[in-house]
Amino acid sequence: MDMFLCGEWSGAKETIEVKNPYDGSVVDTVPKATPEDVDRALSGLVEGAKVMRRTAAYDRSQMLRRAAQLMRDRQDELARTISAEEGKILAEARVEVARAADIVDLSADEARRLTGEVVPLDASPGVSGKLGFTLRVPCGVVAAISPFNFPLHLVCHKVAPGIAGGNAVLIKPATDTPLSA
C-alpha cells in the first residue's frame, strides 16, 4: 500500500505491519510516513484547502454521496478488512460500515445547508432597525486523529463534516487499524 500525498500515490522507505489481534498474523503493511512526508502533506493540504474553499456546496455534497455509496457497494470487503485488523466480529463490522455510510450521507445533507443567517440587532439599545449577519466559511485545513475501536465510522465522523464544510482534511489513523481508516 502507498500513501496518497498531494494528489499522488507514493511509497515509503519503511512500513508498519498491521496484525490481526486474534492470531497475530500479518494482514498487510502500510507506509510509515517520515517528517518530510508530513511536511509535504501539509503543504499540499494548504493548496487543497484553497481548492475546497472554492468547491460549490452542491459538488461537495455529491462527492460525499458518492463516497457513501461506494462504502455501501463495498460493505462486505470493508467489513472483512475491519474484522481482520481489529478483531471485531464480521456482523459488527458490517454495522460499522453501514453507520459510516450514513454519517457520510448526513454530512452530504449538511454541505447544502451550511449557510449564514441574518439576525435583527434590536435586542440592544441604540441598534433598532439594524441587522447583523453570519456567514459560515471553511476553516482551511482540518486534522483528524482517529482511534482504533471504530476505525471507519469514527474517521467518517471527522472527515465527512470537514469536507462538507469546504475544508481539506489530514487523517492520522490509529496504528492498529490504518487499513479501514
Protein backbone atom coordinates (compact mmCIF):
# COMPACT_ATOMS: atom_id res chain seq x y z
CA MET A 1 0.00 0.00 0.00
CA ASP A 2 1.19 3.51 -0.76
CA MET A 3 0.45 6.91 0.79
CA PHE A 4 -1.72 9.43 -1.02
CA LEU A 5 0.11 12.75 -0.74
CA CYS A 6 -0.61 15.88 -2.72
CA GLY A 7 -2.78 14.08 -5.25
CA GLU A 8 -0.24 11.32 -5.91
CA TRP A 9 0.42 7.82 -4.63
CA SER A 10 3.92 7.42 -3.23
CA GLY A 11 5.80 4.69 -1.44
CA ALA A 12 7.76 4.90 1.78
CA LYS A 13 11.18 3.69 2.93
CA GLU A 14 9.69 1.97 5.96
CA THR A 15 6.45 0.13 6.55
CA ILE A 16 4.36 -0.84 9.55
CA GLU A 17 2.91 -4.33 9.85
CA VAL A 18 -0.81 -4.47 10.50
CA LYS A 19 -1.53 -7.59 12.54
CA ASN A 20 -4.70 -9.49 13.28
CA PRO A 21 -5.17 -9.19 17.06
CA TYR A 22 -6.80 -12.62 17.21
CA ASP A 23 -3.98 -14.73 15.81
CA GLY A 24 -1.09 -12.30 15.28
CA SER A 25 -0.93 -12.92 11.54
CA VAL A 26 0.16 -10.04 9.31
CA VAL A 27 -2.88 -8.66 7.49
CA ASP A 28 -0.93 -6.15 5.40
CA THR A 29 1.70 -3.45 5.65
CA VAL A 30 1.24 0.31 5.43
CA PRO A 31 3.78 3.03 4.71
CA LYS A 32 5.42 4.78 7.65
CA ALA A 33 5.45 8.50 6.98
CA THR A 34 8.60 10.49 7.65
CA PRO A 35 8.68 14.07 8.95
CA GLU A 36 9.39 15.10 5.35
CA ASP A 37 6.24 13.28 4.20
CA VAL A 38 4.23 15.16 6.82
CA ASP A 39 5.69 18.50 5.66
CA ARG A 40 4.83 17.61 2.06
CA ALA A 41 1.31 16.59 3.07
CA LEU A 42 0.76 19.83 4.97
CA SER A 43 1.97 21.90 2.02
CA GLY A 44 -0.40 20.01 -0.24
CA LEU A 45 -3.24 20.48 2.23
CA VAL A 46 -2.79 24.23 2.22
CA GLU A 47 -3.19 24.18 -1.56
CA GLY A 48 -6.02 21.67 -1.31
CA ALA A 49 -7.83 23.92 1.15
CA LYS A 50 -7.85 26.68 -1.47
CA VAL A 51 -9.50 24.30 -3.94
CA MET A 52 -12.01 23.01 -1.39
CA ARG A 53 -12.94 26.56 -0.37
CA ARG A 54 -13.95 27.26 -3.99
CA THR A 55 -15.79 23.95 -4.43
CA ALA A 56 -19.53 24.54 -4.52
CA ALA A 57 -21.65 23.13 -1.69
CA TYR A 58 -23.58 21.04 -4.22
CA ASP A 59 -20.35 19.50 -5.53
CA ARG A 60 -19.10 18.73 -2.01
CA SER A 61 -22.45 17.12 -1.27
CA GLN A 62 -22.22 14.99 -4.41
CA MET A 63 -18.65 13.90 -3.55
CA LEU A 64 -19.83 12.75 -0.15
CA ARG A 65 -22.88 10.95 -1.58
CA ARG A 66 -20.60 9.08 -3.97
CA ALA A 67 -18.28 8.09 -1.10
CA ALA A 68 -21.24 6.83 0.94
CA GLN A 69 -22.50 4.78 -1.99
CA LEU A 70 -19.05 3.28 -2.57
CA MET A 71 -18.96 2.21 1.08
CA ARG A 72 -22.34 0.55 0.70
CA ASP A 73 -21.27 -1.13 -2.54
CA ARG A 74 -18.14 -2.48 -0.84
CA GLN A 75 -19.66 -3.17 2.56
CA ASP A 76 -18.54 -6.79 2.72
CA GLU A 77 -14.96 -6.02 1.65
CA LEU A 78 -14.68 -3.15 4.13
CA ALA A 79 -16.22 -5.25 6.92
CA ARG A 80 -13.72 -8.04 6.29
CA THR A 81 -10.84 -5.56 6.50
CA ILE A 82 -12.17 -4.13 9.78
CA SER A 83 -12.62 -7.64 11.17
CA ALA A 84 -9.13 -8.76 10.13
CA GLU A 85 -7.23 -5.78 11.52
CA GLU A 86 -9.33 -5.05 14.61
CA GLY A 87 -10.67 -8.45 15.58
CA LYS A 88 -14.30 -7.29 15.52
CA ILE A 89 -16.83 -9.95 14.52
CA LEU A 90 -17.99 -9.65 10.91
CA ALA A 91 -21.60 -8.81 11.79
CA GLU A 92 -20.47 -5.84 13.91
CA ALA A 93 -18.03 -4.74 11.21
CA ARG A 94 -20.88 -4.68 8.67
CA VAL A 95 -22.90 -2.46 11.02
CA GLU A 96 -19.90 -0.15 11.34
CA VAL A 97 -19.68 0.21 7.56
CA ALA A 98 -23.41 0.94 7.31
CA ARG A 99 -23.21 3.56 10.06
CA ALA A 100 -20.15 5.14 8.44
CA ALA A 101 -22.00 5.45 5.13
CA ASP A 102 -24.95 7.02 6.97
CA ILE A 103 -22.64 9.59 8.59
CA VAL A 104 -21.21 10.50 5.19
CA ASP A 105 -24.74 10.89 3.78
CA LEU A 106 -25.74 13.12 6.71
CA SER A 107 -22.67 15.25 6.04
CA ALA A 108 -23.68 15.46 2.38
CA ASP A 109 -27.04 16.85 3.53
CA GLU A 110 -25.30 19.39 5.75
CA ALA A 111 -22.96 20.51 2.97
CA ARG A 112 -26.00 22.01 1.25
CA ARG A 113 -27.33 23.58 4.46
CA LEU A 114 -24.20 25.40 5.61
CA THR A 115 -25.34 28.94 5.10
CA GLY A 116 -25.39 32.08 7.16
CA GLU A 117 -28.24 33.93 8.76
CA VAL A 118 -29.50 37.46 9.17
CA VAL A 119 -30.05 38.49 12.77
CA PRO A 120 -32.02 41.54 13.96
CA LEU A 121 -29.89 43.53 16.40
CA ASP A 122 -32.76 45.33 18.12
CA ALA A 123 -32.29 43.44 21.40
CA SER A 124 -29.78 46.11 22.47
CA PRO A 125 -30.46 49.82 22.81
CA GLY A 126 -29.33 52.07 20.00
CA VAL A 127 -29.32 49.48 17.24
CA SER A 128 -33.00 49.36 16.38
CA GLY A 129 -33.55 48.79 12.67
CA LYS A 130 -30.09 47.29 12.17
CA LEU A 131 -29.25 43.77 11.07
CA GLY A 132 -26.22 41.60 11.61
CA PHE A 133 -25.34 38.58 9.58
CA THR A 134 -23.33 35.42 9.93
CA LEU A 135 -21.51 33.68 7.15
CA ARG A 136 -20.06 30.22 7.51
CA VAL A 137 -16.66 29.88 5.87
CA PRO A 138 -14.21 26.96 5.75
CA CYS A 139 -11.50 26.75 8.40
CA GLY A 140 -8.92 25.61 5.84
CA VAL A 141 -7.05 22.52 6.98
CA VAL A 142 -8.60 20.10 9.47
CA ALA A 143 -6.51 17.47 11.26
CA ALA A 144 -8.30 14.25 12.19
CA ILE A 145 -6.78 11.72 14.59
CA SER A 146 -8.82 8.55 14.82
CA PRO A 147 -8.97 5.79 17.44
CA PHE A 148 -8.84 2.06 16.76
CA ASN A 149 -12.21 0.90 18.09
CA PHE A 150 -14.41 2.10 15.20
CA PRO A 151 -11.77 2.82 12.56
CA LEU A 152 -14.04 3.58 9.60
CA HIS A 153 -17.01 5.02 11.43
CA LEU A 154 -15.03 7.48 13.56
CA VAL A 155 -12.86 8.58 10.63
CA CYS A 156 -16.06 9.37 8.73
CA HIS A 157 -17.31 11.38 11.74
CA LYS A 158 -14.28 13.63 11.29
CA VAL A 159 -13.56 13.63 7.56
CA ALA A 160 -17.07 13.94 6.12
CA PRO A 161 -18.08 17.07 8.09
CA GLY A 162 -14.70 18.60 7.28
CA ILE A 163 -15.28 18.10 3.57
CA ALA A 164 -18.92 19.22 3.87
CA GLY A 165 -17.64 22.48 5.34
CA GLY A 166 -15.24 23.03 2.43
CA ASN A 167 -12.03 22.08 4.22
CA ALA A 168 -9.03 19.92 3.33
CA VAL A 169 -8.59 17.06 5.81
CA LEU A 170 -5.45 15.32 7.09
CA ILE A 171 -6.07 11.89 8.62
CA LYS A 172 -3.80 10.25 11.17
CA PRO A 173 -5.35 6.81 11.64
CA ALA A 174 -4.71 4.58 14.62
CA THR A 175 -1.60 2.47 14.06
CA ASP A 176 -3.57 -0.70 14.81
CA THR A 177 -6.30 -0.05 12.23
CA PRO A 178 -4.95 2.04 9.35
CA LEU A 179 -6.39 -0.13 6.56
CA SER A 180 -10.02 0.51 7.35
CA ALA A 181 -9.47 4.16 8.22
